[in-house]
N, C-alpha and C. Protein backbone atom coordinates (compact mmCIF):
# COMPACT_ATOMS: atom_id res chain seq x y z
N UNK A 1 266.70 121.91 -154.36
CA UNK A 1 267.45 120.82 -153.79
C UNK A 1 268.88 120.90 -154.30
N UNK A 2 269.80 120.62 -153.40
CA UNK A 2 271.21 120.67 -153.75
C UNK A 2 271.91 119.50 -153.07
N UNK A 3 272.67 118.71 -153.86
CA UNK A 3 273.46 117.62 -153.31
C UNK A 3 274.82 118.16 -152.90
N UNK A 4 275.42 117.56 -151.88
CA UNK A 4 276.73 118.02 -151.44
C UNK A 4 277.81 117.68 -152.46
N UNK A 5 277.60 116.62 -153.25
CA UNK A 5 278.50 116.26 -154.34
C UNK A 5 277.75 115.38 -155.34
N UNK A 6 278.23 115.30 -156.58
CA UNK A 6 277.47 114.57 -157.61
C UNK A 6 277.68 113.07 -157.62
N UNK A 7 278.67 112.55 -156.87
CA UNK A 7 278.92 111.11 -156.88
C UNK A 7 279.55 110.68 -155.56
N UNK A 8 279.56 109.37 -155.33
CA UNK A 8 280.17 108.83 -154.12
C UNK A 8 280.39 107.34 -154.25
N UNK A 9 281.17 106.79 -153.32
CA UNK A 9 281.48 105.37 -153.34
C UNK A 9 280.72 104.64 -152.23
N UNK A 10 280.66 103.33 -152.36
CA UNK A 10 279.97 102.50 -151.39
C UNK A 10 280.58 102.72 -150.01
N UNK A 11 279.71 102.90 -149.01
CA UNK A 11 280.16 103.14 -147.65
C UNK A 11 280.20 104.61 -147.28
N UNK A 12 280.22 105.50 -148.28
CA UNK A 12 280.20 106.93 -148.02
C UNK A 12 278.76 107.39 -147.79
N UNK A 13 278.58 108.68 -147.62
CA UNK A 13 277.26 109.26 -147.36
C UNK A 13 276.80 110.09 -148.55
N UNK A 14 275.52 109.99 -148.86
CA UNK A 14 274.87 110.85 -149.84
C UNK A 14 274.13 111.91 -149.03
N UNK A 15 274.58 113.13 -149.09
CA UNK A 15 273.98 114.20 -148.30
C UNK A 15 273.57 115.36 -149.20
N UNK A 16 272.66 116.15 -148.70
CA UNK A 16 272.22 117.32 -149.44
C UNK A 16 271.27 118.14 -148.60
N UNK A 17 270.70 119.14 -149.25
CA UNK A 17 269.77 120.03 -148.55
C UNK A 17 268.65 120.45 -149.48
N UNK A 18 267.53 120.74 -148.87
CA UNK A 18 266.36 121.26 -149.56
C UNK A 18 266.03 122.60 -148.92
N UNK A 19 265.79 123.62 -149.74
CA UNK A 19 265.42 124.94 -149.23
C UNK A 19 264.02 125.26 -149.72
N UNK A 20 263.13 125.56 -148.78
CA UNK A 20 261.76 125.94 -149.12
C UNK A 20 261.63 127.46 -149.15
N UNK A 21 260.89 127.95 -150.12
CA UNK A 21 260.62 129.38 -150.22
C UNK A 21 259.14 129.61 -149.98
N UNK A 22 258.84 130.67 -149.28
CA UNK A 22 257.44 130.99 -149.01
C UNK A 22 256.98 130.37 -147.71
N UNK A 23 255.72 130.61 -147.37
CA UNK A 23 255.19 130.09 -146.09
C UNK A 23 255.04 128.57 -146.13
N UNK A 24 255.22 127.97 -144.97
CA UNK A 24 255.12 126.51 -144.85
C UNK A 24 253.85 126.18 -144.08
N UNK A 25 253.06 125.27 -144.64
CA UNK A 25 251.83 124.84 -143.98
C UNK A 25 252.11 123.91 -142.81
N UNK A 26 251.15 123.79 -141.92
CA UNK A 26 251.35 122.97 -140.72
C UNK A 26 251.39 121.47 -141.02
N UNK A 27 250.74 121.06 -142.11
CA UNK A 27 250.65 119.64 -142.44
C UNK A 27 251.59 119.25 -143.60
N UNK A 28 252.65 120.04 -143.83
CA UNK A 28 253.56 119.77 -144.94
C UNK A 28 254.80 119.00 -144.48
N UNK A 29 255.19 118.04 -145.32
CA UNK A 29 256.40 117.27 -145.06
C UNK A 29 257.22 117.22 -146.34
N UNK A 30 258.50 116.94 -146.18
CA UNK A 30 259.41 116.75 -147.31
C UNK A 30 259.73 115.26 -147.35
N UNK A 31 259.52 114.63 -148.50
CA UNK A 31 259.89 113.23 -148.68
C UNK A 31 261.08 113.19 -149.65
N UNK A 32 262.21 112.69 -149.16
CA UNK A 32 263.40 112.52 -149.98
C UNK A 32 263.44 111.05 -150.38
N UNK A 33 263.50 110.78 -151.69
CA UNK A 33 263.48 109.42 -152.19
C UNK A 33 264.68 109.16 -153.09
N UNK A 34 265.20 107.96 -153.03
CA UNK A 34 266.22 107.49 -153.96
C UNK A 34 265.52 106.53 -154.92
N UNK A 35 265.61 106.81 -156.21
CA UNK A 35 264.92 106.03 -157.23
C UNK A 35 265.93 105.43 -158.20
N UNK A 36 265.59 104.26 -158.76
CA UNK A 36 266.44 103.69 -159.81
C UNK A 36 266.00 104.24 -161.16
N UNK A 37 266.60 103.73 -162.24
CA UNK A 37 266.32 104.29 -163.57
C UNK A 37 264.89 104.04 -164.04
N UNK A 38 264.22 103.08 -163.44
CA UNK A 38 262.82 102.81 -163.78
C UNK A 38 261.86 103.49 -162.82
N UNK A 39 262.40 104.41 -162.01
CA UNK A 39 261.65 105.21 -161.06
C UNK A 39 261.05 104.38 -159.93
N UNK A 40 261.69 103.24 -159.63
CA UNK A 40 261.27 102.44 -158.49
C UNK A 40 261.88 103.04 -157.23
N UNK A 41 261.09 103.11 -156.19
CA UNK A 41 261.54 103.70 -154.93
C UNK A 41 262.44 102.72 -154.20
N UNK A 42 263.68 103.13 -153.91
CA UNK A 42 264.63 102.27 -153.21
C UNK A 42 264.66 102.56 -151.72
N UNK A 43 264.73 103.84 -151.36
CA UNK A 43 264.81 104.28 -149.97
C UNK A 43 264.12 105.64 -149.89
N UNK A 44 263.52 105.96 -148.74
CA UNK A 44 262.97 107.30 -148.57
C UNK A 44 263.09 107.74 -147.12
N UNK A 45 263.05 109.06 -146.94
CA UNK A 45 263.01 109.69 -145.61
C UNK A 45 261.91 110.73 -145.64
N UNK A 46 261.11 110.79 -144.59
CA UNK A 46 260.14 111.86 -144.42
C UNK A 46 260.68 112.84 -143.39
N UNK A 47 260.77 114.11 -143.77
CA UNK A 47 261.31 115.15 -142.90
C UNK A 47 260.26 116.23 -142.69
N UNK A 48 260.25 116.82 -141.54
CA UNK A 48 259.31 117.90 -141.23
C UNK A 48 259.69 119.14 -142.04
N UNK A 49 258.72 119.69 -142.76
CA UNK A 49 258.96 120.91 -143.54
C UNK A 49 259.05 122.09 -142.59
N UNK A 50 259.96 122.98 -142.88
CA UNK A 50 260.13 124.17 -142.06
C UNK A 50 260.82 125.26 -142.86
N UNK A 51 260.87 126.44 -142.29
CA UNK A 51 261.55 127.55 -142.97
C UNK A 51 263.05 127.28 -142.96
N UNK A 52 263.72 127.75 -143.99
CA UNK A 52 265.17 127.56 -144.09
C UNK A 52 265.52 126.26 -144.78
N UNK A 53 266.72 125.79 -144.53
CA UNK A 53 267.18 124.59 -145.22
C UNK A 53 266.95 123.33 -144.38
N UNK A 54 266.63 122.25 -145.07
CA UNK A 54 266.40 120.96 -144.45
C UNK A 54 267.45 120.01 -145.03
N UNK A 55 268.22 119.36 -144.17
CA UNK A 55 269.29 118.48 -144.65
C UNK A 55 268.84 117.03 -144.60
N UNK A 56 269.40 116.23 -145.51
CA UNK A 56 269.12 114.80 -145.54
C UNK A 56 270.43 114.05 -145.69
N UNK A 57 270.40 112.75 -145.34
CA UNK A 57 271.61 111.95 -145.30
C UNK A 57 271.25 110.48 -145.50
N UNK A 58 271.88 109.84 -146.49
CA UNK A 58 271.69 108.42 -146.75
C UNK A 58 273.06 107.75 -146.82
N UNK A 59 273.12 106.50 -146.40
CA UNK A 59 274.35 105.73 -146.60
C UNK A 59 274.32 105.13 -148.00
N UNK A 60 275.46 105.16 -148.69
CA UNK A 60 275.56 104.56 -150.02
C UNK A 60 275.82 103.07 -149.82
N UNK A 61 274.84 102.25 -150.15
CA UNK A 61 274.89 100.80 -149.92
C UNK A 61 275.33 100.07 -151.18
N UNK A 62 275.87 98.87 -151.06
CA UNK A 62 276.34 98.11 -152.23
C UNK A 62 275.23 97.75 -153.22
N UNK A 63 273.98 97.66 -152.77
CA UNK A 63 272.89 97.27 -153.66
C UNK A 63 272.30 98.44 -154.45
N UNK A 64 272.77 99.66 -154.20
CA UNK A 64 272.28 100.80 -154.99
C UNK A 64 272.80 100.70 -156.42
N UNK A 65 271.98 101.07 -157.41
CA UNK A 65 272.47 101.07 -158.80
C UNK A 65 273.48 102.20 -159.01
N UNK A 66 274.16 102.16 -160.15
CA UNK A 66 275.21 103.15 -160.40
C UNK A 66 274.64 104.54 -160.68
N UNK A 67 273.41 104.64 -161.11
CA UNK A 67 272.76 105.94 -161.32
C UNK A 67 271.49 105.98 -160.48
N UNK A 68 271.44 106.94 -159.57
CA UNK A 68 270.31 107.08 -158.66
C UNK A 68 269.71 108.47 -158.86
N UNK A 69 268.39 108.54 -158.88
CA UNK A 69 267.70 109.82 -158.89
C UNK A 69 267.34 110.16 -157.46
N UNK A 70 267.80 111.32 -157.01
CA UNK A 70 267.45 111.81 -155.67
C UNK A 70 266.31 112.79 -155.88
N UNK A 71 265.15 112.48 -155.32
CA UNK A 71 263.96 113.30 -155.55
C UNK A 71 263.42 113.82 -154.23
N UNK A 72 263.13 115.11 -154.20
CA UNK A 72 262.52 115.73 -153.02
C UNK A 72 261.09 116.13 -153.39
N UNK A 73 260.14 115.70 -152.58
CA UNK A 73 258.73 116.05 -152.81
C UNK A 73 258.21 116.81 -151.60
N UNK A 74 257.52 117.89 -151.86
CA UNK A 74 256.83 118.62 -150.81
C UNK A 74 255.40 118.09 -150.79
N UNK A 75 255.01 117.52 -149.66
CA UNK A 75 253.69 116.92 -149.52
C UNK A 75 252.86 117.71 -148.53
N UNK A 76 251.60 117.93 -148.90
CA UNK A 76 250.63 118.52 -147.98
C UNK A 76 249.61 117.42 -147.70
N UNK A 77 249.73 116.80 -146.54
CA UNK A 77 248.95 115.60 -146.26
C UNK A 77 249.50 114.48 -147.13
N UNK A 78 248.66 113.96 -148.03
CA UNK A 78 249.12 112.92 -148.97
C UNK A 78 249.28 113.47 -150.38
N UNK A 79 248.98 114.76 -150.59
CA UNK A 79 249.03 115.36 -151.91
C UNK A 79 250.39 116.00 -152.16
N UNK A 80 250.90 115.79 -153.38
CA UNK A 80 252.18 116.39 -153.77
C UNK A 80 251.96 117.84 -154.19
N UNK A 81 252.77 118.74 -153.65
CA UNK A 81 252.67 120.16 -153.97
C UNK A 81 253.78 120.58 -154.94
N UNK A 82 254.99 120.10 -154.70
CA UNK A 82 256.13 120.45 -155.55
C UNK A 82 257.13 119.30 -155.54
N UNK A 83 258.03 119.31 -156.56
CA UNK A 83 259.02 118.24 -156.68
C UNK A 83 260.29 118.80 -157.31
N UNK A 84 261.43 118.29 -156.86
CA UNK A 84 262.73 118.62 -157.47
C UNK A 84 263.58 117.36 -157.44
N UNK A 85 264.48 117.22 -158.41
CA UNK A 85 265.32 116.03 -158.43
C UNK A 85 266.70 116.34 -158.99
N UNK A 86 267.65 115.47 -158.66
CA UNK A 86 269.00 115.52 -159.22
C UNK A 86 269.51 114.10 -159.32
N UNK A 87 270.47 113.89 -160.23
CA UNK A 87 271.07 112.58 -160.40
C UNK A 87 272.31 112.45 -159.52
N UNK A 88 272.56 111.23 -159.04
CA UNK A 88 273.72 110.93 -158.22
C UNK A 88 274.35 109.66 -158.75
N UNK A 89 275.66 109.67 -158.94
CA UNK A 89 276.39 108.52 -159.48
C UNK A 89 277.07 107.75 -158.35
N UNK A 90 276.82 106.45 -158.30
CA UNK A 90 277.45 105.57 -157.32
C UNK A 90 278.62 104.88 -158.00
N UNK A 91 279.83 105.14 -157.52
CA UNK A 91 281.03 104.54 -158.10
C UNK A 91 281.22 103.16 -157.49
N UNK A 92 281.29 102.16 -158.38
CA UNK A 92 281.50 100.78 -157.92
C UNK A 92 282.84 100.32 -158.48
N UNK A 93 283.75 99.99 -157.60
CA UNK A 93 285.08 99.53 -158.00
C UNK A 93 285.20 98.04 -157.70
N UNK A 94 285.71 97.30 -158.66
CA UNK A 94 285.98 95.88 -158.48
C UNK A 94 287.48 95.72 -158.25
N UNK A 95 287.90 95.97 -157.05
CA UNK A 95 289.33 95.92 -156.71
C UNK A 95 289.83 94.48 -156.79
N UNK A 96 291.05 94.35 -157.36
CA UNK A 96 291.64 93.03 -157.49
C UNK A 96 291.19 92.30 -158.74
N UNK A 97 290.35 92.92 -159.55
CA UNK A 97 289.90 92.30 -160.79
C UNK A 97 290.29 93.20 -161.95
N UNK A 98 290.74 92.60 -163.03
CA UNK A 98 291.07 93.38 -164.21
C UNK A 98 289.78 93.65 -164.98
N UNK A 99 289.68 94.83 -165.50
CA UNK A 99 288.52 95.20 -166.30
C UNK A 99 289.01 95.75 -167.62
N UNK A 100 289.01 94.90 -168.63
CA UNK A 100 289.44 95.31 -169.96
C UNK A 100 288.20 95.47 -170.82
N UNK A 101 287.82 96.69 -171.15
CA UNK A 101 286.66 96.84 -172.03
C UNK A 101 287.00 96.39 -173.44
N UNK A 102 286.14 95.62 -174.05
CA UNK A 102 286.32 95.16 -175.42
C UNK A 102 285.74 96.22 -176.34
N UNK A 103 286.62 97.14 -176.77
CA UNK A 103 286.17 98.27 -177.59
C UNK A 103 285.63 97.78 -178.92
N UNK A 104 286.26 96.76 -179.48
CA UNK A 104 285.80 96.21 -180.76
C UNK A 104 284.38 95.67 -180.65
N UNK A 105 284.10 94.97 -179.57
CA UNK A 105 282.77 94.43 -179.34
C UNK A 105 281.76 95.56 -179.19
N UNK A 106 282.14 96.61 -178.50
CA UNK A 106 281.24 97.75 -178.33
C UNK A 106 280.94 98.42 -179.67
N UNK A 107 281.95 98.54 -180.51
CA UNK A 107 281.73 99.15 -181.83
C UNK A 107 280.83 98.28 -182.70
N UNK A 108 281.05 96.95 -182.66
CA UNK A 108 280.20 96.05 -183.45
C UNK A 108 278.75 96.13 -182.97
N UNK A 109 278.56 96.16 -181.66
CA UNK A 109 277.20 96.26 -181.13
C UNK A 109 276.54 97.56 -181.55
N UNK A 110 277.29 98.65 -181.54
CA UNK A 110 276.73 99.94 -181.96
C UNK A 110 276.33 99.90 -183.43
N UNK A 111 277.18 99.28 -184.28
CA UNK A 111 276.83 99.19 -185.71
C UNK A 111 275.60 98.32 -185.92
N UNK A 112 275.51 97.22 -185.17
CA UNK A 112 274.33 96.36 -185.30
C UNK A 112 273.07 97.10 -184.92
N UNK A 113 273.14 97.88 -183.86
CA UNK A 113 271.97 98.64 -183.44
C UNK A 113 271.58 99.69 -184.46
N UNK A 114 272.55 100.23 -185.18
CA UNK A 114 272.25 101.23 -186.22
C UNK A 114 271.89 100.58 -187.55
N UNK A 115 271.99 99.23 -187.62
CA UNK A 115 271.61 98.53 -188.85
C UNK A 115 272.69 98.52 -189.92
N UNK A 116 273.92 98.85 -189.59
CA UNK A 116 274.99 98.90 -190.58
C UNK A 116 275.64 97.55 -190.80
N UNK A 117 275.42 96.62 -189.92
CA UNK A 117 276.10 95.35 -190.02
C UNK A 117 275.14 94.24 -189.64
N UNK A 118 275.20 93.14 -190.41
CA UNK A 118 274.31 92.05 -190.08
C UNK A 118 275.06 90.75 -189.86
N UNK A 119 276.37 90.77 -189.96
CA UNK A 119 277.16 89.55 -189.76
C UNK A 119 278.46 89.86 -189.05
N UNK A 120 279.47 89.01 -189.31
CA UNK A 120 280.77 89.23 -188.65
C UNK A 120 281.37 90.57 -189.04
N UNK A 121 282.28 91.02 -188.21
CA UNK A 121 282.91 92.33 -188.45
C UNK A 121 283.71 92.30 -189.74
N UNK A 122 283.57 93.34 -190.54
CA UNK A 122 284.32 93.48 -191.79
C UNK A 122 285.49 94.43 -191.54
N UNK A 123 286.60 94.23 -192.29
CA UNK A 123 287.75 95.12 -192.09
C UNK A 123 287.49 96.56 -192.47
C-alpha cells in the first residue's frame, strides 16, 4: 500500500494505491479502512481485488482525528488473508485564532509525569 502523500488538510482528498502480487482469487476483495488511534473504524471502502494496482480515494472531513491509520485488508470471503497499513496526518488549522503554546506548562507536566516535581515550579 502506498499513499499519495503523508498528510492533508480538511476538504482535500486522501488517495493511494494497493498493489497485489500473485494470483487473485475470485472471492477476494480489498477493504480500505480509516482508523483512529484506538483502532476504531471511521470509514471504509470495499474494492474488487484484481491484478495490478487498485486506487482508493477518501475526502478528508473535519471530524477525522489528526492521526489516522489507513489500513488495507485482503479478504477472501469474510476471512482476512493479508494486511498493510500506513499513518496519515490530518492538518487542522484554526484560522483567525492565536495559538500560543505554553512551553512552561508543558515542561512542568513532563516533570510531573517523570516524578521529578510534586508541587509548584521551582527556579
